Amino acid sequence: NDRALRDVVVGLGGVANGFSRQTGFDITVASEVMAILCLAT
């Protein structure tokens, strides 16, 4: 649980670090990967 990560900017620091964009984090149990693992046969 980390509310500070809900909305973040990644890619700061210049061209070598990629492009800057706004994104965020979800908790792992909200990941679609978690849902997929729990529904896959």
ModelCIF file with pLDDT and N, C-alpha, C, O atoms, coordinates in Angstrom:
data_MODEL
#
_entry.id   MODEL 
#
_entity.id                         1 
_entity.type                       polymer 
_entity.pdbx_number_of_molecules   1 
#
_entity_poly.entity_id                      1 
_entity_poly.type                           'polypeptide(L)' 
_entity_poly.nstd_linkage                   no 
_entity_poly.nstd_monomer                   no 
_entity_poly.pdbx_seq_one_letter_code       NDRALRDVVVGLGGVANGFSRQTGFDITVASEVMAILCLAT 
_entity_poly.pdbx_seq_one_letter_code_can   NDRALRDVVVGLGGVANGFSRQTGFDITVASEVMAILCLAT 
_entity_poly.pdbx_strand_id                 A 
#
loop_
_entity_poly_seq.entity_id 
_entity_poly_seq.num 
_entity_poly_seq.mon_id 
_entity_poly_seq.hetero 
1 1  ASN n 
1 2  ASP n 
1 3  ARG n 
1 4  ALA n 
1 5  LEU n 
1 6  ARG n 
1 7  ASP n 
1 8  VAL n 
1 9  VAL n 
1 10 VAL n 
1 11 GLY n 
1 12 LEU n 
1 13 GLY n 
1 14 GLY n 
1 15 VAL n 
1 16 ALA n 
1 17 ASN n 
1 18 GLY n 
1 19 PHE n 
1 20 SER n 
1 21 ARG n 
1 22 GLN n 
1 23 THR n 
1 24 GLY n 
1 25 PHE n 
1 26 ASP n 
1 27 ILE n 
1 28 THR n 
1 29 VAL n 
1 30 ALA n 
1 31 SER n 
1 32 GLU n 
1 33 VAL n 
1 34 MET n 
1 35 ALA n 
1 36 ILE n 
1 37 LEU n 
1 38 CYS n 
1 39 LEU n 
1 40 ALA n 
1 41 THR n 
#
_struct_asym.id          A 
_struct_asym.entity_id   1 
#
loop_
_ma_qa_metric.id 
_ma_qa_metric.mode 
_ma_qa_metric.name 
_ma_qa_metric.software_group_id 
_ma_qa_metric.type 
1 global pLDDT . pLDDT 
2 local  pLDDT . pLDDT 
#
_ma_qa_metric_global.metric_id      1 
_ma_qa_metric_global.metric_value   94.34 
_ma_qa_metric_global.model_id       1 
_ma_qa_metric_global.ordinal_id     1 
#
loop_
_ma_qa_metric_local.label_asym_id 
_ma_qa_metric_local.label_comp_id 
_ma_qa_metric_local.label_seq_id 
_ma_qa_metric_local.metric_id 
_ma_qa_metric_local.metric_value 
_ma_qa_metric_local.model_id 
_ma_qa_metric_local.ordinal_id 
A ASN 1  2 95.00 1 1  
A ASP 2  2 94.00 1 2  
A ARG 3  2 95.00 1 3  
A ALA 4  2 96.00 1 4  
A LEU 5  2 96.00 1 5  
A ARG 6  2 95.00 1 6  
A ASP 7  2 95.00 1 7  
A VAL 8  2 96.00 1 8  
A VAL 9  2 96.00 1 9  
A VAL 10 2 94.00 1 10 
A GLY 11 2 93.00 1 11 
A LEU 12 2 94.00 1 12 
A GLY 13 2 91.00 1 13 
A GLY 14 2 89.00 1 14 
A VAL 15 2 89.00 1 15 
A ALA 16 2 90.00 1 16 
A ASN 17 2 91.00 1 17 
A GLY 18 2 88.00 1 18 
A PHE 19 2 88.00 1 19 
A SER 20 2 92.00 1 20 
A ARG 21 2 93.00 1 21 
A GLN 22 2 95.00 1 22 
A THR 23 2 96.00 1 23 
A GLY 24 2 96.00 1 24 
A PHE 25 2 96.00 1 25 
A ASP 26 2 94.00 1 26 
A ILE 27 2 95.00 1 27 
A THR 28 2 96.00 1 28 
A VAL 29 2 94.00 1 29 
A ALA 30 2 93.00 1 30 
A SER 31 2 96.00 1 31 
A GLU 32 2 96.00 1 32 
A VAL 33 2 98.00 1 33 
A MET 34 2 97.00 1 34 
A ALA 35 2 96.00 1 35 
A ILE 36 2 97.00 1 36 
A LEU 37 2 97.00 1 37 
A CYS 38 2 97.00 1 38 
A LEU 39 2 97.00 1 39 
A ALA 40 2 97.00 1 40 
A THR 41 2 95.00 1 41 
#
loop_
_atom_site.group_PDB 
_atom_site.id 
_atom_site.type_symbol 
_atom_site.label_atom_id 
_atom_site.label_alt_id 
_atom_site.label_comp_id 
_atom_site.label_asym_id 
_atom_site.label_entity_id 
_atom_site.label_seq_id 
_atom_site.pdbx_PDB_ins_code 
_atom_site.Cartn_x 
_atom_site.Cartn_y 
_atom_site.Cartn_z 
_atom_site.occupancy 
_atom_site.B_iso_or_equiv 
_atom_site.pdbx_formal_charge 
_atom_site.auth_seq_id 
_atom_site.auth_comp_id 
_atom_site.auth_asym_id 
_atom_site.auth_atom_id 
_atom_site.pdbx_PDB_model_num 
ATOM 1   N N  . ASN A 1 1  ? 0.858  -1.185  0.000   1.00 95.00 ? 1  ASN A N  1 
ATOM 2   C CA . ASN A 1 1  ? 0.000  0.000   0.000   1.00 95.00 ? 1  ASN A CA 1 
ATOM 3   C C  . ASN A 1 1  ? 0.897  1.240   0.000   1.00 95.00 ? 1  ASN A C  1 
ATOM 4   O O  . ASN A 1 1  ? 1.626  1.481   0.963   1.00 95.00 ? 1  ASN A O  1 
ATOM 5   N N  . ASP A 1 2  ? 0.844  2.021   -1.077  1.00 94.00 ? 2  ASP A N  1 
ATOM 6   C CA . ASP A 1 2  ? 1.733  3.190   -1.181  1.00 94.00 ? 2  ASP A CA 1 
ATOM 7   C C  . ASP A 1 2  ? 1.046  4.245   -2.041  1.00 94.00 ? 2  ASP A C  1 
ATOM 8   O O  . ASP A 1 2  ? 1.179  4.250   -3.265  1.00 94.00 ? 2  ASP A O  1 
ATOM 9   N N  . ARG A 1 3  ? 0.309  5.142   -1.379  1.00 95.00 ? 3  ARG A N  1 
ATOM 10  C CA . ARG A 1 3  ? -0.480 6.135   -2.124  1.00 95.00 ? 3  ARG A CA 1 
ATOM 11  C C  . ARG A 1 3  ? 0.380  7.085   -2.944  1.00 95.00 ? 3  ARG A C  1 
ATOM 12  O O  . ARG A 1 3  ? -0.103 7.660   -3.919  1.00 95.00 ? 3  ARG A O  1 
ATOM 13  N N  . ALA A 1 4  ? 1.646  7.262   -2.570  1.00 96.00 ? 4  ALA A N  1 
ATOM 14  C CA . ALA A 1 4  ? 2.519  8.185   -3.295  1.00 96.00 ? 4  ALA A CA 1 
ATOM 15  C C  . ALA A 1 4  ? 2.810  7.708   -4.715  1.00 96.00 ? 4  ALA A C  1 
ATOM 16  O O  . ALA A 1 4  ? 3.272  8.484   -5.552  1.00 96.00 ? 4  ALA A O  1 
ATOM 17  N N  . LEU A 1 5  ? 2.538  6.425   -4.985  1.00 96.00 ? 5  LEU A N  1 
ATOM 18  C CA . LEU A 1 5  ? 2.843  5.875   -6.307  1.00 96.00 ? 5  LEU A CA 1 
ATOM 19  C C  . LEU A 1 5  ? 1.638  5.833   -7.236  1.00 96.00 ? 5  LEU A C  1 
ATOM 20  O O  . LEU A 1 5  ? 1.739  5.345   -8.362  1.00 96.00 ? 5  LEU A O  1 
ATOM 21  N N  . ARG A 1 6  ? 0.493  6.343   -6.773  1.00 95.00 ? 6  ARG A N  1 
ATOM 22  C CA . ARG A 1 6  ? -0.701 6.274   -7.621  1.00 95.00 ? 6  ARG A CA 1 
ATOM 23  C C  . ARG A 1 6  ? -0.512 7.003   -8.946  1.00 95.00 ? 6  ARG A C  1 
ATOM 24  O O  . ARG A 1 6  ? -0.928 6.514   -9.997  1.00 95.00 ? 6  ARG A O  1 
ATOM 25  N N  . ASP A 1 7  ? 0.107  8.157   -8.891  1.00 95.00 ? 7  ASP A N  1 
ATOM 26  C CA . ASP A 1 7  ? 0.370  8.940   -10.104 1.00 95.00 ? 7  ASP A CA 1 
ATOM 27  C C  . ASP A 1 7  ? 1.817  9.400   -10.060 1.00 95.00 ? 7  ASP A C  1 
ATOM 28  O O  . ASP A 1 7  ? 2.215  10.141  -9.161  1.00 95.00 ? 7  ASP A O  1 
ATOM 29  N N  . VAL A 1 8  ? 2.610  8.951   -11.048 1.00 96.00 ? 8  VAL A N  1 
ATOM 30  C CA . VAL A 1 8  ? 4.026  9.299   -11.069 1.00 96.00 ? 8  VAL A CA 1 
ATOM 31  C C  . VAL A 1 8  ? 4.429  9.679   -12.486 1.00 96.00 ? 8  VAL A C  1 
ATOM 32  O O  . VAL A 1 8  ? 3.699  9.421   -13.443 1.00 96.00 ? 8  VAL A O  1 
ATOM 33  N N  . VAL A 1 9  ? 5.602  10.294  -12.608 1.00 96.00 ? 9  VAL A N  1 
ATOM 34  C CA . VAL A 1 9  ? 6.208  10.582  -13.912 1.00 96.00 ? 9  VAL A CA 1 
ATOM 35  C C  . VAL A 1 9  ? 7.474  9.740   -14.014 1.00 96.00 ? 9  VAL A C  1 
ATOM 36  O O  . VAL A 1 9  ? 8.307  9.751   -13.108 1.00 96.00 ? 9  VAL A O  1 
ATOM 37  N N  . VAL A 1 10 ? 7.616  9.013   -15.115 1.00 94.00 ? 10 VAL A N  1 
ATOM 38  C CA . VAL A 1 10 ? 8.799  8.193   -15.329 1.00 94.00 ? 10 VAL A CA 1 
ATOM 39  C C  . VAL A 1 10 ? 9.603  8.761   -16.491 1.00 94.00 ? 10 VAL A C  1 
ATOM 40  O O  . VAL A 1 10 ? 9.102  9.555   -17.287 1.00 94.00 ? 10 VAL A O  1 
ATOM 41  N N  . GLY A 1 11 ? 10.859 8.336   -16.572 1.00 93.00 ? 11 GLY A N  1 
ATOM 42  C CA . GLY A 1 11 ? 11.693 8.727   -17.709 1.00 93.00 ? 11 GLY A CA 1 
ATOM 43  C C  . GLY A 1 11 ? 12.335 10.086  -17.582 1.00 93.00 ? 11 GLY A C  1 
ATOM 44  O O  . GLY A 1 11 ? 12.791 10.641  -18.582 1.00 93.00 ? 11 GLY A O  1 
ATOM 45  N N  . LEU A 1 12 ? 12.389 10.649  -16.374 1.00 94.00 ? 12 LEU A N  1 
ATOM 46  C CA . LEU A 1 12 ? 13.074 11.933  -16.204 1.00 94.00 ? 12 LEU A CA 1 
ATOM 47  C C  . LEU A 1 12 ? 14.584 11.733  -16.310 1.00 94.00 ? 12 LEU A C  1 
ATOM 48  O O  . LEU A 1 12 ? 15.087 10.630  -16.095 1.00 94.00 ? 12 LEU A O  1 
ATOM 49  N N  . GLY A 1 13 ? 15.292 12.790  -16.638 1.00 91.00 ? 13 GLY A N  1 
ATOM 50  C CA . GLY A 1 13 ? 16.748 12.723  -16.647 1.00 91.00 ? 13 GLY A CA 1 
ATOM 51  C C  . GLY A 1 13 ? 17.378 12.761  -18.024 1.00 91.00 ? 13 GLY A C  1 
ATOM 52  O O  . GLY A 1 13 ? 18.581 12.535  -18.158 1.00 91.00 ? 13 GLY A O  1 
ATOM 53  N N  . GLY A 1 14 ? 16.597 13.039  -19.040 1.00 89.00 ? 14 GLY A N  1 
ATOM 54  C CA . GLY A 1 14 ? 17.199 13.208  -20.363 1.00 89.00 ? 14 GLY A CA 1 
ATOM 55  C C  . GLY A 1 14 ? 16.986 12.034  -21.290 1.00 89.00 ? 14 GLY A C  1 
ATOM 56  O O  . GLY A 1 14 ? 16.366 11.033  -20.932 1.00 89.00 ? 14 GLY A O  1 
ATOM 57  N N  . VAL A 1 15 ? 17.520 12.181  -22.498 1.00 89.00 ? 15 VAL A N  1 
ATOM 58  C CA . VAL A 1 15 ? 17.295 11.218  -23.584 1.00 89.00 ? 15 VAL A CA 1 
ATOM 59  C C  . VAL A 1 15 ? 17.748 9.812   -23.203 1.00 89.00 ? 15 VAL A C  1 
ATOM 60  O O  . VAL A 1 15 ? 17.099 8.840   -23.589 1.00 89.00 ? 15 VAL A O  1 
ATOM 61  N N  . ALA A 1 16 ? 18.816 9.682   -22.475 1.00 90.00 ? 16 ALA A N  1 
ATOM 62  C CA . ALA A 1 16 ? 19.359 8.360   -22.136 1.00 90.00 ? 16 ALA A CA 1 
ATOM 63  C C  . ALA A 1 16 ? 18.391 7.539   -21.297 1.00 90.00 ? 16 ALA A C  1 
ATOM 64  O O  . ALA A 1 16 ? 18.489 6.312   -21.261 1.00 90.00 ? 16 ALA A O  1 
ATOM 65  N N  . ASN A 1 17 ? 17.465 8.199   -20.628 1.00 91.00 ? 17 ASN A N  1 
ATOM 66  C CA . ASN A 1 17 ? 16.516 7.502   -19.761 1.00 91.00 ? 17 ASN A CA 1 
ATOM 67  C C  . ASN A 1 17 ? 15.162 7.283   -20.423 1.00 91.00 ? 17 ASN A C  1 
ATOM 68  O O  . ASN A 1 17 ? 14.193 6.933   -19.749 1.00 91.00 ? 17 ASN A O  1 
ATOM 69  N N  . GLY A 1 18 ? 15.088 7.482   -21.720 1.00 88.00 ? 18 GLY A N  1 
ATOM 70  C CA . GLY A 1 18 ? 13.834 7.274   -22.414 1.00 88.00 ? 18 GLY A CA 1 
ATOM 71  C C  . GLY A 1 18 ? 13.036 8.559   -22.486 1.00 88.00 ? 18 GLY A C  1 
ATOM 72  O O  . GLY A 1 18 ? 13.591 9.657   -22.456 1.00 88.00 ? 18 GLY A O  1 
ATOM 73  N N  . PHE A 1 19 ? 11.730 8.406   -22.582 1.00 88.00 ? 19 PHE A N  1 
ATOM 74  C CA . PHE A 1 19 ? 10.851 9.563   -22.732 1.00 88.00 ? 19 PHE A CA 1 
ATOM 75  C C  . PHE A 1 19 ? 10.069 9.774   -21.441 1.00 88.00 ? 19 PHE A C  1 
ATOM 76  O O  . PHE A 1 19 ? 9.724  8.816   -20.751 1.00 88.00 ? 19 PHE A O  1 
ATOM 77  N N  . SER A 1 20 ? 9.799  11.011  -21.127 1.00 92.00 ? 20 SER A N  1 
ATOM 78  C CA . SER A 1 20 ? 9.039  11.317  -19.909 1.00 92.00 ? 20 SER A CA 1 
ATOM 79  C C  . SER A 1 20 ? 7.548  11.155  -20.180 1.00 92.00 ? 20 SER A C  1 
ATOM 80  O O  . SER A 1 20 ? 7.042  11.625  -21.198 1.00 92.00 ? 20 SER A O  1 
ATOM 81  N N  . ARG A 1 21 ? 6.852  10.492  -19.268 1.00 93.00 ? 21 ARG A N  1 
ATOM 82  C CA . ARG A 1 21 ? 5.398  10.356  -19.384 1.00 93.00 ? 21 ARG A CA 1 
ATOM 83  C C  . ARG A 1 21 ? 4.797  10.116  -18.011 1.00 93.00 ? 21 ARG A C  1 
ATOM 84  O O  . ARG A 1 21 ? 5.464  9.650   -17.088 1.00 93.00 ? 21 ARG A O  1 
ATOM 85  N N  . GLN A 1 22 ? 3.531  10.444  -17.904 1.00 95.00 ? 22 GLN A N  1 
ATOM 86  C CA . GLN A 1 22 ? 2.803  10.230  -16.660 1.00 95.00 ? 22 GLN A CA 1 
ATOM 87  C C  . GLN A 1 22 ? 2.230  8.820   -16.646 1.00 95.00 ? 22 GLN A C  1 
ATOM 88  O O  . GLN A 1 22 ? 1.650  8.368   -17.633 1.00 95.00 ? 22 GLN A O  1 
ATOM 89  N N  . THR A 1 23 ? 2.394  8.133   -15.531 1.00 96.00 ? 23 THR A N  1 
ATOM 90  C CA . THR A 1 23 ? 1.849  6.786   -15.372 1.00 96.00 ? 23 THR A CA 1 
ATOM 91  C C  . THR A 1 23 ? 1.543  6.580   -13.883 1.00 96.00 ? 23 THR A C  1 
ATOM 92  O O  . THR A 1 23 ? 1.226  7.545   -13.188 1.00 96.00 ? 23 THR A O  1 
ATOM 93  N N  . GLY A 1 24 ? 1.628  5.372   -13.394 1.00 96.00 ? 24 GLY A N  1 
ATOM 94  C CA . GLY A 1 24 ? 1.348  5.126   -11.987 1.00 96.00 ? 24 GLY A CA 1 
ATOM 95  C C  . GLY A 1 24 ? 1.528  3.664   -11.644 1.00 96.00 ? 24 GLY A C  1 
ATOM 96  O O  . GLY A 1 24 ? 1.850  2.840   -12.500 1.00 96.00 ? 24 GLY A O  1 
ATOM 97  N N  . PHE A 1 25 ? 1.317  3.359   -10.385 1.00 96.00 ? 25 PHE A N  1 
ATOM 98  C CA . PHE A 1 25 ? 1.423  1.995   -9.874  1.00 96.00 ? 25 PHE A CA 1 
ATOM 99  C C  . PHE A 1 25 ? 0.069  1.539   -9.338  1.00 96.00 ? 25 PHE A C  1 
ATOM 100 O O  . PHE A 1 25 ? -0.673 2.325   -8.750  1.00 96.00 ? 25 PHE A O  1 
ATOM 101 N N  . ASP A 1 26 ? -0.241 0.275   -9.544  1.00 94.00 ? 26 ASP A N  1 
ATOM 102 C CA . ASP A 1 26 ? -1.327 -0.398  -8.849  1.00 94.00 ? 26 ASP A CA 1 
ATOM 103 C C  . ASP A 1 26 ? -0.717 -1.385  -7.865  1.00 94.00 ? 26 ASP A C  1 
ATOM 104 O O  . ASP A 1 26 ? 0.471  -1.694  -7.946  1.00 94.00 ? 26 ASP A O  1 
ATOM 105 N N  . ILE A 1 27 ? -1.532 -1.880  -6.933  1.00 95.00 ? 27 ILE A N  1 
ATOM 106 C CA . ILE A 1 27 ? -1.055 -2.938  -6.055  1.00 95.00 ? 27 ILE A CA 1 
ATOM 107 C C  . ILE A 1 27 ? -1.062 -4.245  -6.839  1.00 95.00 ? 27 ILE A C  1 
ATOM 108 O O  . ILE A 1 27 ? -1.916 -4.436  -7.705  1.00 95.00 ? 27 ILE A O  1 
ATOM 109 N N  . THR A 1 28 ? -0.130 -5.142  -6.553  1.00 96.00 ? 28 THR A N  1 
ATOM 110 C CA . THR A 1 28 ? 0.044  -6.362  -7.337  1.00 96.00 ? 28 THR A CA 1 
ATOM 111 C C  . THR A 1 28 ? -1.246 -7.165  -7.466  1.00 96.00 ? 28 THR A C  1 
ATOM 112 O O  . THR A 1 28 ? -1.512 -7.747  -8.518  1.00 96.00 ? 28 THR A O  1 
ATOM 113 N N  . VAL A 1 29 ? -2.044 -7.198  -6.409  1.00 94.00 ? 29 VAL A N  1 
ATOM 114 C CA . VAL A 1 29 ? -3.271 -7.995  -6.464  1.00 94.00 ? 29 VAL A CA 1 
ATOM 115 C C  . VAL A 1 29 ? -4.312 -7.404  -7.407  1.00 94.00 ? 29 VAL A C  1 
ATOM 116 O O  . VAL A 1 29 ? -5.322 -8.045  -7.694  1.00 94.00 ? 29 VAL A O  1 
ATOM 117 N N  . ALA A 1 30 ? -4.071 -6.173  -7.897  1.00 93.00 ? 30 ALA A N  1 
ATOM 118 C CA . ALA A 1 30 ? -4.952 -5.576  -8.902  1.00 93.00 ? 30 ALA A CA 1 
ATOM 119 C C  . ALA A 1 30 ? -4.428 -5.793  -10.318 1.00 93.00 ? 30 ALA A C  1 
ATOM 120 O O  . ALA A 1 30 ? -5.074 -5.389  -11.285 1.00 93.00 ? 30 ALA A O  1 
ATOM 121 N N  . SER A 1 31 ? -3.266 -6.425  -10.449 1.00 96.00 ? 31 SER A N  1 
ATOM 122 C CA . SER A 1 31 ? -2.662 -6.640  -11.757 1.00 96.00 ? 31 SER A CA 1 
ATOM 123 C C  . SER A 1 31 ? -3.486 -7.619  -12.596 1.00 96.00 ? 31 SER A C  1 
ATOM 124 O O  . SER A 1 31 ? -4.037 -8.588  -12.073 1.00 96.00 ? 31 SER A O  1 
ATOM 125 N N  . GLU A 1 32 ? -3.560 -7.361  -13.881 1.00 96.00 ? 32 GLU A N  1 
ATOM 126 C CA . GLU A 1 32 ? -4.211 -8.323  -14.771 1.00 96.00 ? 32 GLU A CA 1 
ATOM 127 C C  . GLU A 1 32 ? -3.429 -9.630  -14.814 1.00 96.00 ? 32 GLU A C  1 
ATOM 128 O O  . GLU A 1 32 ? -4.006 -10.686 -15.074 1.00 96.00 ? 32 GLU A O  1 
ATOM 129 N N  . VAL A 1 33 ? -2.135 -9.573  -14.565 1.00 98.00 ? 33 VAL A N  1 
ATOM 130 C CA . VAL A 1 33 ? -1.341 -10.805 -14.510 1.00 98.00 ? 33 VAL A CA 1 
ATOM 131 C C  . VAL A 1 33 ? -1.833 -11.701 -13.373 1.00 98.00 ? 33 VAL A C  1 
ATOM 132 O O  . VAL A 1 33 ? -1.914 -12.919 -13.530 1.00 98.00 ? 33 VAL A O  1 
ATOM 133 N N  . MET A 1 34 ? -2.162 -11.097 -12.231 1.00 97.00 ? 34 MET A N  1 
ATOM 134 C CA . MET A 1 34 ? -2.718 -11.860 -11.114 1.00 97.00 ? 34 MET A CA 1 
ATOM 135 C C  . MET A 1 34 ? -4.040 -12.509 -11.520 1.00 97.00 ? 34 MET A C  1 
ATOM 136 O O  . MET A 1 34 ? -4.266 -13.691 -11.261 1.00 97.00 ? 34 MET A O  1 
ATOM 137 N N  . ALA A 1 35 ? -4.909 -11.724 -12.158 1.00 96.00 ? 35 ALA A N  1 
ATOM 138 C CA . ALA A 1 35 ? -6.201 -12.264 -12.583 1.00 96.00 ? 35 ALA A CA 1 
ATOM 139 C C  . ALA A 1 35 ? -6.014 -13.395 -13.588 1.00 96.00 ? 35 ALA A C  1 
ATOM 140 O O  . ALA A 1 35 ? -6.727 -14.397 -13.540 1.00 96.00 ? 35 ALA A O  1 
ATOM 141 N N  . ILE A 1 36 ? -5.061 -13.235 -14.495 1.00 97.00 ? 36 ILE A N  1 
ATOM 142 C CA . ILE A 1 36 ? -4.796 -14.260 -15.507 1.00 97.00 ? 36 ILE A CA 1 
ATOM 143 C C  . ILE A 1 36 ? -4.301 -15.538 -14.855 1.00 97.00 ? 36 ILE A C  1 
ATOM 144 O O  . ILE A 1 36 ? -4.787 -16.623 -15.175 1.00 97.00 ? 36 ILE A O  1 
ATOM 145 N N  . LEU A 1 37 ? -3.344 -15.428 -13.948 1.00 97.00 ? 37 LEU A N  1 
ATOM 146 C CA . LEU A 1 37 ? -2.828 -16.620 -13.273 1.00 97.00 ? 37 LEU A CA 1 
ATOM 147 C C  . LEU A 1 37 ? -3.947 -17.360 -12.539 1.00 97.00 ? 37 LEU A C  1 
ATOM 148 O O  . LEU A 1 37 ? -3.943 -18.589 -12.464 1.00 97.00 ? 37 LEU A O  1 
ATOM 149 N N  . CYS A 1 38 ? -4.896 -16.610 -12.002 1.00 97.00 ? 38 CYS A N  1 
ATOM 150 C CA . CYS A 1 38 ? -5.967 -17.231 -11.231 1.00 97.00 ? 38 CYS A CA 1 
ATOM 151 C C  . CYS A 1 38 ? -7.088 -17.784 -12.096 1.00 97.00 ? 38 CYS A C  1 
ATOM 152 O O  . CYS A 1 38 ? -7.957 -18.493 -11.588 1.00 97.00 ? 38 CYS A O  1 
ATOM 153 N N  . LEU A 1 39 ? -7.094 -17.482 -13.385 1.00 97.00 ? 39 LEU A N  1 
ATOM 154 C CA . LEU A 1 39 ? -8.120 -18.010 -14.283 1.00 97.00 ? 39 LEU A CA 1 
ATOM 155 C C  . LEU A 1 39 ? -7.559 -18.997 -15.303 1.00 97.00 ? 39 LEU A C  1 
ATOM 156 O O  . LEU A 1 39 ? -8.322 -19.714 -15.950 1.00 97.00 ? 39 LEU A O  1 
ATOM 157 N N  . ALA A 1 40 ? -6.239 -19.044 -15.456 1.00 97.00 ? 40 ALA A N  1 
ATOM 158 C CA . ALA A 1 40 ? -5.620 -19.938 -16.439 1.00 97.00 ? 40 ALA A CA 1 
ATOM 159 C C  . ALA A 1 40 ? -5.714 -21.395 -15.989 1.00 97.00 ? 40 ALA A C  1 
ATOM 160 O O  . ALA A 1 40 ? -5.689 -21.690 -14.794 1.00 97.00 ? 40 ALA A O  1 
ATOM 161 N N  . THR A 1 41 ? -5.822 -22.294 -16.957 1.00 95.00 ? 41 THR A N  1 
ATOM 162 C CA . THR A 1 41 ? -5.963 -23.719 -16.640 1.00 95.00 ? 41 THR A CA 1 
ATOM 163 C C  . THR A 1 41 ? -4.643 -24.473 -16.700 1.00 95.00 ? 41 THR A C  1 
ATOM 164 O O  . THR A 1 41 ? -4.610 -25.679 -16.457 1.00 95.00 ? 41 THR A O  1 
#
